[in-house]
Protein backbone atom coordinates (compact mmCIF):
# COMPACT_ATOMS: atom_id res chain seq x y z
CA MET A 1 10.73 0.18 -13.54
CA SER A 2 13.43 -0.45 -11.00
CA VAL A 3 13.96 -3.69 -9.12
CA TRP A 4 13.23 -2.05 -5.76
CA LEU A 5 9.93 -0.68 -7.01
CA LEU A 6 8.88 -4.14 -8.20
CA TYR A 7 9.91 -5.56 -4.83
CA LEU A 8 7.87 -2.92 -3.03
CA PHE A 9 4.84 -3.74 -5.16
CA SER A 10 5.25 -7.43 -4.37
CA ILE A 11 5.30 -6.96 -0.58
CA LEU A 12 2.60 -4.31 -0.16
CA ASP A 13 -0.02 -6.87 0.84
CA LYS A 14 2.35 -8.44 3.38
CA ILE A 15 3.10 -5.05 4.92
CA SER A 16 -0.61 -4.35 5.19
CA ASN A 17 -1.24 -7.73 6.84
CA ILE A 18 1.56 -7.22 9.35
CA MET A 19 0.26 -3.79 10.28
CA THR A 20 -3.27 -5.16 10.68
CA ILE A 21 -2.04 -7.88 13.04
CA ALA A 22 0.03 -5.35 14.99
CA SER A 23 -2.94 -3.03 15.41
CA ILE A 24 -5.10 -5.92 16.66
CA ILE A 25 -2.41 -6.88 19.18
CA LEU A 26 -2.11 -3.28 20.33
CA PHE A 27 -5.88 -3.06 20.77
CA ILE A 28 -5.88 -6.26 22.85
CA LEU A 29 -3.08 -4.86 25.02
CA PHE A 30 -5.09 -1.66 25.40
CA VAL A 31 -8.07 -3.66 26.66
CA ILE A 32 -5.91 -5.62 29.11
CA PHE A 33 -4.25 -2.54 30.58
CA PHE A 34 -7.56 -0.68 30.68
CA ILE A 35 -9.11 -3.55 32.64
CA CYS A 36 -6.09 -3.53 34.96
CA PHE A 37 -6.59 0.18 35.50
CA PHE A 38 -10.12 -0.32 36.83
CA THR A 39 -9.60 -3.58 38.72
CA ALA A 40 -6.27 -3.02 40.48
CA ASP A 41 -6.53 -2.03 44.12
CA PRO A 42 -4.21 0.72 45.18
CA GLU A 43 -1.65 -0.41 47.69
CA ILE A 44 -2.02 1.17 51.08
CA SER A 45 1.26 1.93 52.76
CA TYR A 46 2.02 3.43 56.11
CA GLU A 47 4.24 6.49 56.18
CA SER A 48 6.44 6.12 59.23
CA GLY A 49 7.30 9.76 59.68
CA THR A 50 3.80 11.22 59.58
CA GLY A 51 1.77 8.31 60.90
CA LYS A 52 -0.67 8.49 57.99
CA CYS A 53 -1.73 5.92 55.45
CA LYS A 54 -1.01 6.62 51.82
CA LYS A 55 -2.56 5.03 48.72
CA ASP A 56 -0.05 4.12 46.07
CA ARG A 57 -1.77 4.40 42.67
CA SER A 58 1.40 4.16 40.57
CA PHE A 59 0.27 0.91 38.88
CA ASN A 60 -3.08 2.43 37.93
CA ASP A 61 -1.40 5.51 36.53
CA LEU A 62 1.09 3.39 34.61
CA SER A 63 -1.60 1.12 33.16
CA PHE A 64 -3.67 4.14 32.10
CA LYS A 65 -0.69 5.76 30.40
CA LEU A 66 0.25 2.52 28.65
CA SER A 67 -3.32 1.91 27.49
CA CYS A 68 -3.46 5.42 26.04
CA ARG A 69 -0.20 4.81 24.19
CA PHE A 70 -1.42 1.45 22.88
CA VAL A 71 -4.66 2.88 21.57
CA GLY A 72 -2.75 5.75 19.94
CA ALA A 73 -0.36 3.34 18.24
CA ALA A 74 -3.28 1.13 17.14
CA ILE A 75 -5.03 4.14 15.60
CA ILE A 76 -1.87 5.18 13.75
CA LEU A 77 -1.33 1.64 12.43
CA GLY A 78 -4.99 1.41 11.44
CA VAL A 79 -4.75 4.61 9.44
CA LEU A 80 -1.56 3.39 7.75
CA VAL A 81 -3.24 0.09 6.86
CA CYS A 82 -6.05 2.02 5.19
CA LEU A 83 -3.61 4.16 3.23
CA ILE A 84 -1.38 1.37 1.90
CA PRO A 85 -2.67 0.29 -1.51
CA SER A 86 -2.85 -3.34 -2.56
CA LYS A 87 -0.45 -4.74 -5.14
CA GLN A 88 -2.99 -4.36 -7.91
CA ASP A 89 -3.85 -0.78 -6.96
CA ALA A 90 -0.19 0.21 -6.77
CA MET A 91 0.54 -1.29 -10.17
CA LEU A 92 -2.45 0.53 -11.66
CA ILE A 93 -1.35 3.80 -10.08
CA TYR A 94 2.11 3.37 -11.55
CA ILE A 95 1.36 1.91 -14.99
CA LEU A 96 -1.97 3.42 -16.04
CA PRO A 97 -0.69 7.02 -16.47
CA LYS A 98 2.22 5.73 -18.56
CA ILE A 99 -0.18 3.93 -20.88
CA VAL A 100 -2.66 6.81 -21.11
CA ASN A 101 0.00 9.46 -21.71
CA ASN A 102 1.86 7.38 -24.31
CA PRO A 103 1.67 9.16 -27.71
CA GLN A 104 1.56 5.84 -29.58
CA MET A 105 -1.55 4.79 -27.65
CA GLN A 106 -3.22 8.11 -28.39
CA ASN A 107 -2.70 7.68 -32.15
CA LEU A 108 -4.41 4.28 -32.42
CA SER A 109 -7.11 4.09 -35.03
CA PRO A 110 -10.74 3.89 -33.89
CA LYS A 111 -11.21 0.65 -35.84
CA LEU A 112 -8.44 -1.05 -33.89
CA LEU A 113 -9.90 0.15 -30.60
CA GLN A 114 -13.34 -1.12 -31.66
CA ALA A 115 -11.85 -4.52 -32.58
CA ILE A 116 -10.14 -4.74 -29.18
CA ASN A 117 -13.37 -3.76 -27.47
CA ASP A 118 -15.34 -6.40 -29.38
CA THR A 119 -12.76 -9.06 -28.53
CA LEU A 120 -12.90 -8.16 -24.85
CA ASP A 121 -16.71 -8.25 -24.94
CA SER A 122 -16.65 -11.72 -26.50
CA TYR A 123 -14.22 -12.92 -23.81
CA ASP A 124 -16.50 -11.43 -21.17
CA GLN A 125 -19.53 -13.26 -22.58
CA TYR A 126 -17.53 -16.51 -22.81
CA ILE A 127 -16.47 -16.26 -19.16
CA LYS A 128 -20.01 -15.46 -18.03
CA HIS A 129 -21.31 -18.44 -20.00
CA LYS A 130 -18.69 -20.75 -18.42
CA LEU A 131 -19.51 -19.45 -14.95
CA ASP A 132 -23.23 -19.99 -15.51
CA ASP A 133 -22.56 -23.55 -16.65
CA HIS A 134 -20.34 -24.16 -13.62
CA ILE A 135 -22.97 -22.79 -11.23
CA LYS A 136 -25.72 -24.96 -12.77
CA LYS A 137 -23.61 -28.09 -12.17
């Protein structure tokens, strides 16, 4: 396993957290600009050449466009957050096929596998017993 791959595995949770925070910030900005879109009064200006009043809705249009962009970016970041695996998942994805496809692991005797299974079961019972004792205290 290369050094860069180990580094990537170590920072996956941090990347996910940063993207979650960014998507929350983008959603908040979307709400702010969306509120501005509905609450801002259009400026009324007088056109000197025609003698008519004109409503300037450029701020409303800008806030609507920005809010659409923010919600789009928040959706994209949200999808990426869902797709990034945790450190443990990434390590399992990388290591488990190497263990399963290893010819030495496939040639283990059934007695050895049974002994490992029994040992793991005894550890499991020991941990459950300790947890029960800790909960009762």
